[in-house]
Amino acid sequence: MQEKINLSSAACIADLQTVFKDVAKKHPLFMKFLEYYCGYDTAVLSSDPYQIAYSGGKRDVILTIKTIMRDDLLPANIAKQYERILK
């Protein structure tokens, strides 16, 4: 297990993928809570730019987790995408 989170590392993504999938399998209520709290399926009904940015940030959390959990993407490919974003 990685000691430091590095989303541009395939090994770190693989470790996170394992952990997220274990949590989703063993504690589905926790994942449902994250989806609900982060606004995964909820529109932002506000014109306040701060509210929009805050909601977008929360949504980014659950979308990042769901991206890492995908079975059709290899950890190395996900890491390459984050390497480009984090530069």
PDB file of N, CA and C in Angstrom:
ATOM      1  N   MET A   1       0.841  -1.186   0.000  1.00  0.00           N
ATOM      2  CA  MET A   1       0.000   0.000   0.000  1.00  0.00           C
ATOM      3  C   MET A   1       0.882   1.244   0.000  1.00  0.00           C
ATOM      4  N   GLN A   2       0.483   2.215  -0.784  1.00  0.00           N
ATOM      5  CA  GLN A   2       1.208   3.477  -0.892  1.00  0.00           C
ATOM      6  C   GLN A   2       1.086   4.277   0.404  1.00  0.00           C
ATOM      7  N   GLU A   3       2.147   4.966   0.763  1.00  0.00           N
ATOM      8  CA  GLU A   3       2.088   5.844   1.932  1.00  0.00           C
ATOM      9  C   GLU A   3       1.659   7.256   1.542  1.00  0.00           C
ATOM     10  N   LYS A   4       1.934   7.627   0.299  1.00  0.00           N
ATOM     11  CA  LYS A   4       1.591   8.949  -0.192  1.00  0.00           C
ATOM     12  C   LYS A   4       0.670   8.775  -1.400  1.00  0.00           C
ATOM     13  N   ILE A   5      -0.343   9.611  -1.489  1.00  0.00           N
ATOM     14  CA  ILE A   5      -1.255   9.555  -2.619  1.00  0.00           C
ATOM     15  C   ILE A   5      -0.616  10.266  -3.808  1.00  0.00           C
ATOM     16  N   ASN A   6      -0.473   9.533  -4.897  1.00  0.00           N
ATOM     17  CA  ASN A   6       0.087  10.073  -6.129  1.00  0.00           C
ATOM     18  C   ASN A   6      -0.766   9.547  -7.275  1.00  0.00           C
ATOM     19  N   LEU A   7      -1.717  10.356  -7.736  1.00  0.00           N
ATOM     20  CA  LEU A   7      -2.651   9.898  -8.752  1.00  0.00           C
ATOM     21  C   LEU A   7      -2.007   9.685 -10.114  1.00  0.00           C
ATOM     22  N   SER A   8      -0.764  10.111 -10.279  1.00  0.00           N
ATOM     23  CA  SER A   8      -0.077   9.850 -11.547  1.00  0.00           C
ATOM     24  C   SER A   8       0.760   8.570 -11.489  1.00  0.00           C
ATOM     25  N   SER A   9       0.606   7.807 -10.401  1.00  0.00           N
ATOM     26  CA  SER A   9       1.299   6.536 -10.232  1.00  0.00           C
ATOM     27  C   SER A   9       0.320   5.381 -10.441  1.00  0.00           C
ATOM     28  N   ALA A  10       0.639   4.503 -11.374  1.00  0.00           N
ATOM     29  CA  ALA A  10      -0.226   3.353 -11.641  1.00  0.00           C
ATOM     30  C   ALA A  10      -0.353   2.464 -10.399  1.00  0.00           C
ATOM     31  N   ALA A  11       0.716   2.328  -9.640  1.00  0.00           N
ATOM     32  CA  ALA A  11       0.673   1.505  -8.417  1.00  0.00           C
ATOM     33  C   ALA A  11      -0.291   2.104  -7.396  1.00  0.00           C
ATOM     34  N   CYS A  12      -0.256   3.418  -7.261  1.00  0.00           N
ATOM     35  CA  CYS A  12      -1.164   4.091  -6.326  1.00  0.00           C
ATOM     36  C   CYS A  12      -2.609   3.929  -6.787  1.00  0.00           C
ATOM     37  N   ILE A  13      -2.858   4.101  -8.087  1.00  0.00           N
ATOM     38  CA  ILE A  13      -4.216   3.933  -8.621  1.00  0.00           C
ATOM     39  C   ILE A  13      -4.689   2.500  -8.389  1.00  0.00           C
ATOM     40  N   ALA A  14      -3.821   1.523  -8.608  1.00  0.00           N
ATOM     41  CA  ALA A  14      -4.186   0.122  -8.394  1.00  0.00           C
ATOM     42  C   ALA A  14      -4.538  -0.125  -6.927  1.00  0.00           C
ATOM     43  N   ASP A  15      -3.761   0.455  -6.010  1.00  0.00           N
ATOM     44  CA  ASP A  15      -4.058   0.311  -4.575  1.00  0.00           C
ATOM     45  C   ASP A  15      -5.399   0.959  -4.233  1.00  0.00           C
ATOM     46  N   LEU A  16      -5.625   2.164  -4.745  1.00  0.00           N
ATOM     47  CA  LEU A  16      -6.893   2.854  -4.486  1.00  0.00           C
ATOM     48  C   LEU A  16      -8.062   2.069  -5.081  1.00  0.00           C
ATOM     49  N   GLN A  17      -7.859   1.518  -6.270  1.00  0.00           N
ATOM     50  CA  GLN A  17      -8.900   0.731  -6.918  1.00  0.00           C
ATOM     51  C   GLN A  17      -9.305  -0.456  -6.045  1.00  0.00           C
ATOM     52  N   THR A  18      -8.333  -1.128  -5.495  1.00  0.00           N
ATOM     53  CA  THR A  18      -8.596  -2.266  -4.613  1.00  0.00           C
ATOM     54  C   THR A  18      -9.368  -1.829  -3.374  1.00  0.00           C
ATOM     55  N   VAL A  19      -8.921  -0.758  -2.756  1.00  0.00           N
ATOM     56  CA  VAL A  19      -9.577  -0.261  -1.540  1.00  0.00           C
ATOM     57  C   VAL A  19     -11.004   0.188  -1.831  1.00  0.00           C
ATOM     58  N   PHE A  20     -11.192   0.981  -2.886  1.00  0.00           N
ATOM     59  CA  PHE A  20     -12.533   1.476  -3.210  1.00  0.00           C
ATOM     60  C   PHE A  20     -13.487   0.329  -3.518  1.00  0.00           C
ATOM     61  N   LYS A  21     -13.023  -0.656  -4.261  1.00  0.00           N
ATOM     62  CA  LYS A  21     -13.882  -1.793  -4.591  1.00  0.00           C
ATOM     63  C   LYS A  21     -14.210  -2.624  -3.353  1.00  0.00           C
ATOM     64  N   ASP A  22     -13.237  -2.782  -2.463  1.00  0.00           N
ATOM     65  CA  ASP A  22     -13.491  -3.505  -1.209  1.00  0.00           C
ATOM     66  C   ASP A  22     -14.542  -2.780  -0.368  1.00  0.00           C
ATOM     67  N   VAL A  23     -14.396  -1.477  -0.257  1.00  0.00           N
ATOM     68  CA  VAL A  23     -15.355  -0.685   0.523  1.00  0.00           C
ATOM     69  C   VAL A  23     -16.736  -0.767  -0.111  1.00  0.00           C
ATOM     70  N   ALA A  24     -16.816  -0.614  -1.430  1.00  0.00           N
ATOM     71  CA  ALA A  24     -18.107  -0.667  -2.115  1.00  0.00           C
ATOM     72  C   ALA A  24     -18.786  -2.021  -1.921  1.00  0.00           C
ATOM     73  N   LYS A  25     -17.990  -3.084  -1.928  1.00  0.00           N
ATOM     74  CA  LYS A  25     -18.546  -4.434  -1.760  1.00  0.00           C
ATOM     75  C   LYS A  25     -18.983  -4.688  -0.317  1.00  0.00           C
ATOM     76  N   LYS A  26     -18.141  -4.296   0.632  1.00  0.00           N
ATOM     77  CA  LYS A  26     -18.415  -4.589   2.040  1.00  0.00           C
ATOM     78  C   LYS A  26     -19.350  -3.576   2.691  1.00  0.00           C
ATOM     79  N   HIS A  27     -19.350  -2.335   2.179  1.00  0.00           N
ATOM     80  CA  HIS A  27     -20.127  -1.256   2.801  1.00  0.00           C
ATOM     81  C   HIS A  27     -20.857  -0.442   1.733  1.00  0.00           C
ATOM     82  N   PRO A  28     -21.826  -1.031   1.055  1.00  0.00           N
ATOM     83  CA  PRO A  28     -22.521  -0.320  -0.019  1.00  0.00           C
ATOM     84  C   PRO A  28     -23.220   0.953   0.463  1.00  0.00           C
ATOM     85  N   LEU A  29     -23.642   0.975   1.717  1.00  0.00           N
ATOM     86  CA  LEU A  29     -24.295   2.170   2.247  1.00  0.00           C
ATOM     87  C   LEU A  29     -23.340   3.357   2.265  1.00  0.00           C
ATOM     88  N   PHE A  30     -22.066   3.105   2.518  1.00  0.00           N
ATOM     89  CA  PHE A  30     -21.073   4.182   2.520  1.00  0.00           C
ATOM     90  C   PHE A  30     -20.962   4.799   1.123  1.00  0.00           C
ATOM     91  N   MET A  31     -20.919   3.959   0.097  1.00  0.00           N
ATOM     92  CA  MET A  31     -20.821   4.476  -1.263  1.00  0.00           C
ATOM     93  C   MET A  31     -22.091   5.238  -1.649  1.00  0.00           C
ATOM     94  N   LYS A  32     -23.245   4.742  -1.222  1.00  0.00           N
ATOM     95  CA  LYS A  32     -24.494   5.461  -1.487  1.00  0.00           C
ATOM     96  C   LYS A  32     -24.488   6.815  -0.790  1.00  0.00           C
ATOM     97  N   PHE A  33     -23.954   6.856   0.430  1.00  0.00           N
ATOM     98  CA  PHE A  33     -23.837   8.128   1.142  1.00  0.00           C
ATOM     99  C   PHE A  33     -22.961   9.098   0.362  1.00  0.00           C
ATOM    100  N   LEU A  34     -21.796   8.638  -0.124  1.00  0.00           N
ATOM    101  CA  LEU A  34     -20.919   9.521  -0.890  1.00  0.00           C
ATOM    102  C   LEU A  34     -21.608  10.029  -2.152  1.00  0.00           C
ATOM    103  N   GLU A  35     -22.303   9.153  -2.854  1.00  0.00           N
ATOM    104  CA  GLU A  35     -23.026   9.575  -4.048  1.00  0.00           C
ATOM    105  C   GLU A  35     -24.058  10.635  -3.705  1.00  0.00           C
ATOM    106  N   TYR A  36     -24.785  10.417  -2.621  1.00  0.00           N
ATOM    107  CA  TYR A  36     -25.811  11.373  -2.199  1.00  0.00           C
ATOM    108  C   TYR A  36     -25.178  12.692  -1.754  1.00  0.00           C
ATOM    109  N   TYR A  37     -24.208  12.619  -0.855  1.00  0.00           N
ATOM    110  CA  TYR A  37     -23.609  13.833  -0.293  1.00  0.00           C
ATOM    111  C   TYR A  37     -22.860  14.638  -1.353  1.00  0.00           C
ATOM    112  N   CYS A  38     -22.194  13.948  -2.261  1.00  0.00           N
ATOM    113  CA  CYS A  38     -21.399  14.641  -3.285  1.00  0.00           C
ATOM    114  C   CYS A  38     -22.248  15.105  -4.458  1.00  0.00           C
ATOM    115  N   GLY A  39     -23.539  14.805  -4.452  1.00  0.00           N
ATOM    116  CA  GLY A  39     -24.422  15.283  -5.504  1.00  0.00           C
ATOM    117  C   GLY A  39     -24.221  14.594  -6.831  1.00  0.00           C
ATOM    118  N   TYR A  40     -23.952  13.312  -6.777  1.00  0.00           N
ATOM    119  CA  TYR A  40     -23.690  12.546  -8.000  1.00  0.00           C
ATOM    120  C   TYR A  40     -24.842  12.649  -8.997  1.00  0.00           C
ATOM    121  N   ASP A  41     -26.064  12.557  -8.528  1.00  0.00           N
ATOM    122  CA  ASP A  41     -27.239  12.596  -9.405  1.00  0.00           C
ATOM    123  C   ASP A  41     -28.104  13.835  -9.188  1.00  0.00           C
ATOM    124  N   THR A  42     -27.535  14.877  -8.601  1.00  0.00           N
ATOM    125  CA  THR A  42     -28.323  16.041  -8.237  1.00  0.00           C
ATOM    126  C   THR A  42     -27.854  17.280  -8.993  1.00  0.00           C
ATOM    127  N   ALA A  43     -28.793  17.969  -9.581  1.00  0.00           N
ATOM    128  CA  ALA A  43     -28.464  19.223 -10.268  1.00  0.00           C
ATOM    129  C   ALA A  43     -28.268  20.339  -9.239  1.00  0.00           C
ATOM    130  N   VAL A  44     -27.435  21.298  -9.577  1.00  0.00           N
ATOM    131  CA  VAL A  44     -27.244  22.464  -8.720  1.00  0.00           C
ATOM    132  C   VAL A  44     -28.329  23.469  -9.082  1.00  0.00           C
ATOM    133  N   LEU A  45     -29.198  23.729  -8.150  1.00  0.00           N
ATOM    134  CA  LEU A  45     -30.313  24.632  -8.404  1.00  0.00           C
ATOM    135  C   LEU A  45     -30.017  26.011  -7.810  1.00  0.00           C
ATOM    136  N   SER A  46     -28.930  26.577  -8.238  1.00  0.00           N
ATOM    137  CA  SER A  46     -28.517  27.873  -7.720  1.00  0.00           C
ATOM    138  C   SER A  46     -27.760  28.615  -8.817  1.00  0.00           C
ATOM    139  N   SER A  47     -27.860  29.928  -8.784  1.00  0.00           N
ATOM    140  CA  SER A  47     -27.072  30.746  -9.703  1.00  0.00           C
ATOM    141  C   SER A  47     -25.871  31.365  -8.983  1.00  0.00           C
ATOM    142  N   ASP A  48     -25.734  31.052  -7.694  1.00  0.00           N
ATOM    143  CA  ASP A  48     -24.615  31.559  -6.900  1.00  0.00           C
ATOM    144  C   ASP A  48     -23.327  30.857  -7.341  1.00  0.00           C
ATOM    145  N   PRO A  49     -22.337  31.613  -7.855  1.00  0.00           N
ATOM    146  CA  PRO A  49     -21.119  30.977  -8.344  1.00  0.00           C
ATOM    147  C   PRO A  49     -20.361  30.197  -7.265  1.00  0.00           C
ATOM    148  N   TYR A  50     -20.447  30.631  -6.029  1.00  0.00           N
ATOM    149  CA  TYR A  50     -19.772  29.908  -4.950  1.00  0.00           C
ATOM    150  C   TYR A  50     -20.445  28.561  -4.697  1.00  0.00           C
ATOM    151  N   GLN A  51     -21.764  28.550  -4.741  1.00  0.00           N
ATOM    152  CA  GLN A  51     -22.514  27.294  -4.563  1.00  0.00           C
ATOM    153  C   GLN A  51     -22.233  26.341  -5.717  1.00  0.00           C
ATOM    154  N   ILE A  52     -22.162  26.880  -6.927  1.00  0.00           N
ATOM    155  CA  ILE A  52     -21.875  26.062  -8.104  1.00  0.00           C
ATOM    156  C   ILE A  52     -20.473  25.458  -7.990  1.00  0.00           C
ATOM    157  N   ALA A  53     -19.492  26.272  -7.594  1.00  0.00           N
ATOM    158  CA  ALA A  53     -18.119  25.781  -7.452  1.00  0.00           C
ATOM    159  C   ALA A  53     -18.029  24.738  -6.339  1.00  0.00           C
ATOM    160  N   TYR A  54     -18.687  24.991  -5.214  1.00  0.00           N
ATOM    161  CA  TYR A  54     -18.676  24.050  -4.098  1.00  0.00           C
ATOM    162  C   TYR A  54     -19.301  22.716  -4.511  1.00  0.00           C
ATOM    163  N   SER A  55     -20.440  22.777  -5.189  1.00  0.00           N
ATOM    164  CA  SER A  55     -21.106  21.554  -5.640  1.00  0.00           C
ATOM    165  C   SER A  55     -20.259  20.820  -6.673  1.00  0.00           C
ATOM    166  N   GLY A  56     -19.605  21.573  -7.544  1.00  0.00           N
ATOM    167  CA  GLY A  56     -18.726  20.962  -8.540  1.00  0.00           C
ATOM    168  C   GLY A  56     -17.561  20.240  -7.887  1.00  0.00           C
ATOM    169  N   GLY A  57     -17.000  20.827  -6.849  1.00  0.00           N
ATOM    170  CA  GLY A  57     -15.899  20.193  -6.121  1.00  0.00           C
ATOM    171  C   GLY A  57     -16.332  18.898  -5.459  1.00  0.00           C
ATOM    172  N   LYS A  58     -17.514  18.923  -4.848  1.00  0.00           N
ATOM    173  CA  LYS A  58     -18.023  17.702  -4.226  1.00  0.00           C
ATOM    174  C   LYS A  58     -18.265  16.631  -5.281  1.00  0.00           C
ATOM    175  N   ARG A  59     -18.827  17.029  -6.410  1.00  0.00           N
ATOM    176  CA  ARG A  59     -19.103  16.067  -7.475  1.00  0.00           C
ATOM    177  C   ARG A  59     -17.802  15.486  -8.026  1.00  0.00           C
ATOM    178  N   ASP A  60     -16.753  16.299  -8.096  1.00  0.00           N
ATOM    179  CA  ASP A  60     -15.453  15.806  -8.566  1.00  0.00           C
ATOM    180  C   ASP A  60     -14.929  14.673  -7.693  1.00  0.00           C
ATOM    181  N   VAL A  61     -15.224  14.723  -6.406  1.00  0.00           N
ATOM    182  CA  VAL A  61     -14.765  13.670  -5.491  1.00  0.00           C
ATOM    183  C   VAL A  61     -15.362  12.322  -5.881  1.00  0.00           C
ATOM    184  N   ILE A  62     -16.681  12.264  -6.016  1.00  0.00           N
ATOM    185  CA  ILE A  62     -17.312  10.982  -6.320  1.00  0.00           C
ATOM    186  C   ILE A  62     -16.989  10.538  -7.738  1.00  0.00           C
ATOM    187  N   LEU A  63     -16.846  11.476  -8.678  1.00  0.00           N
ATOM    188  CA  LEU A  63     -16.490  11.095 -10.042  1.00  0.00           C
ATOM    189  C   LEU A  63     -15.071  10.538 -10.118  1.00  0.00           C
ATOM    190  N   THR A  64     -14.166  11.086  -9.317  1.00  0.00           N
ATOM    191  CA  THR A  64     -12.801  10.555  -9.261  1.00  0.00           C
ATOM    192  C   THR A  64     -12.807   9.136  -8.711  1.00  0.00           C
ATOM    193  N   ILE A  65     -13.552   8.920  -7.642  1.00  0.00           N
ATOM    194  CA  ILE A  65     -13.646   7.579  -7.051  1.00  0.00           C
ATOM    195  C   ILE A  65     -14.233   6.597  -8.064  1.00  0.00           C
ATOM    196  N   LYS A  66     -15.310   6.993  -8.728  1.00  0.00           N
ATOM    197  CA  LYS A  66     -15.947   6.101  -9.692  1.00  0.00           C
ATOM    198  C   LYS A  66     -15.040   5.841 -10.893  1.00  0.00           C
ATOM    199  N   THR A  67     -14.263   6.817 -11.301  1.00  0.00           N
ATOM    200  CA  THR A  67     -13.311   6.603 -12.397  1.00  0.00           C
ATOM    201  C   THR A  67     -12.260   5.581 -11.998  1.00  0.00           C
ATOM    202  N   ILE A  68     -11.722   5.723 -10.807  1.00  0.00           N
ATOM    203  CA  ILE A  68     -10.694   4.785 -10.331  1.00  0.00           C
ATOM    204  C   ILE A  68     -11.261   3.377 -10.187  1.00  0.00           C
ATOM    205  N   MET A  69     -12.531   3.260  -9.861  1.00  0.00           N
ATOM    206  CA  MET A  69     -13.157   1.945  -9.674  1.00  0.00           C
ATOM    207  C   MET A  69     -13.520   1.241 -10.982  1.00  0.00           C
ATOM    208  N   ARG A  70     -13.452   1.924 -12.090  1.00  0.00           N
ATOM    209  CA  ARG A  70     -13.880   1.324 -13.367  1.00  0.00           C
ATOM    210  C   ARG A  70     -13.053   0.099 -13.721  1.00  0.00           C
ATOM    211  N   ASP A  71     -13.741  -0.932 -14.211  1.00  0.00           N
ATOM    212  CA  ASP A  71     -13.077  -2.179 -14.623  1.00  0.00           C
ATOM    213  C   ASP A  71     -12.515  -2.095 -16.039  1.00  0.00           C
ATOM    214  N   ASP A  72     -13.049  -1.182 -16.835  1.00  0.00           N
ATOM    215  CA  ASP A  72     -12.629  -1.105 -18.236  1.00  0.00           C
ATOM    216  C   ASP A  72     -11.422  -0.201 -18.462  1.00  0.00           C
ATOM    217  N   LEU A  73     -10.910   0.405 -17.408  1.00  0.00           N
ATOM    218  CA  LEU A  73      -9.711   1.244 -17.506  1.00  0.00           C
ATOM    219  C   LEU A  73      -8.597   0.649 -16.656  1.00  0.00           C
ATOM    220  N   LEU A  74      -7.437   0.524 -17.240  1.00  0.00           N
ATOM    221  CA  LEU A  74      -6.280   0.028 -16.492  1.00  0.00           C
ATOM    222  C   LEU A  74      -5.722   1.135 -15.599  1.00  0.00           C
ATOM    223  N   PRO A  75      -5.186   0.768 -14.426  1.00  0.00           N
ATOM    224  CA  PRO A  75      -4.591   1.775 -13.552  1.00  0.00           C
ATOM    225  C   PRO A  75      -3.539   2.637 -14.264  1.00  0.00           C
ATOM    226  N   ALA A  76      -2.764   2.040 -15.159  1.00  0.00           N
ATOM    227  CA  ALA A  76      -1.738   2.804 -15.886  1.00  0.00           C
ATOM    228  C   ALA A  76      -2.373   3.882 -16.765  1.00  0.00           C
ATOM    229  N   ASN A  77      -3.510   3.575 -17.383  1.00  0.00           N
ATOM    230  CA  ASN A  77      -4.188   4.555 -18.232  1.00  0.00           C
ATOM    231  C   ASN A  77      -4.785   5.687 -17.408  1.00  0.00           C
ATOM    232  N   ILE A  78      -5.354   5.351 -16.263  1.00  0.00           N
ATOM    233  CA  ILE A  78      -5.902   6.382 -15.378  1.00  0.00           C
ATOM    234  C   ILE A  78      -4.769   7.277 -14.885  1.00  0.00           C
ATOM    235  N   ALA A  79      -3.658   6.675 -14.501  1.00  0.00           N
ATOM    236  CA  ALA A  79      -2.506   7.437 -14.010  1.00  0.00           C
ATOM    237  C   ALA A  79      -1.989   8.398 -15.078  1.00  0.00           C
ATOM    238  N   LYS A  80      -1.970   7.959 -16.335  1.00  0.00           N
ATOM    239  CA  LYS A  80      -1.512   8.836 -17.423  1.00  0.00           C
ATOM    240  C   LYS A  80      -2.410  10.057 -17.553  1.00  0.00           C
ATOM    241  N   GLN A  81      -3.708   9.867 -17.399  1.00  0.00           N
ATOM    242  CA  GLN A  81      -4.634  10.993 -17.474  1.00  0.00           C
ATOM    243  C   GLN A  81      -4.375  11.984 -16.341  1.00  0.00           C
ATOM    244  N   TYR A  82      -4.181  11.476 -15.130  1.00  0.00           N
ATOM    245  CA  TYR A  82      -3.904  12.361 -13.995  1.00  0.00           C
ATOM    246  C   TYR A  82      -2.537  13.021 -14.121  1.00  0.00           C
ATOM    247  N   GLU A  83      -1.603  12.336 -14.746  1.00  0.00           N
ATOM    248  CA  GLU A  83      -0.268  12.931 -14.968  1.00  0.00           C
ATOM    249  C   GLU A  83      -0.403  14.190 -15.826  1.00  0.00           C
ATOM    250  N   ARG A  84      -1.257  14.119 -16.849  1.00  0.00           N
ATOM    251  CA  ARG A  84      -1.490  15.287 -17.713  1.00  0.00           C
ATOM    252  C   ARG A  84      -2.205  16.404 -16.962  1.00  0.00           C
ATOM    253  N   ILE A  85      -3.180  16.035 -16.151  1.00  0.00           N
ATOM    254  CA  ILE A  85      -3.966  17.035 -15.404  1.00  0.00           C
ATOM    255  C   ILE A  85      -3.108  17.723 -14.350  1.00  0.00           C
ATOM    256  N   LEU A  86      -2.267  16.969 -13.671  1.00  0.00           N
ATOM    257  CA  LEU A  86      -1.509  17.495 -12.528  1.00  0.00           C
ATOM    258  C   LEU A  86      -0.263  18.273 -12.918  1.00  0.00           C
ATOM    259  N   LYS A  87       0.060  18.332 -14.207  1.00  0.00           N
ATOM    260  CA  LYS A  87       1.261  19.074 -14.635  1.00  0.00           C
ATOM    261  C   LYS A  87       1.064  20.550 -14.527  1.00  0.00           C
TER     262      LYS A  87
END
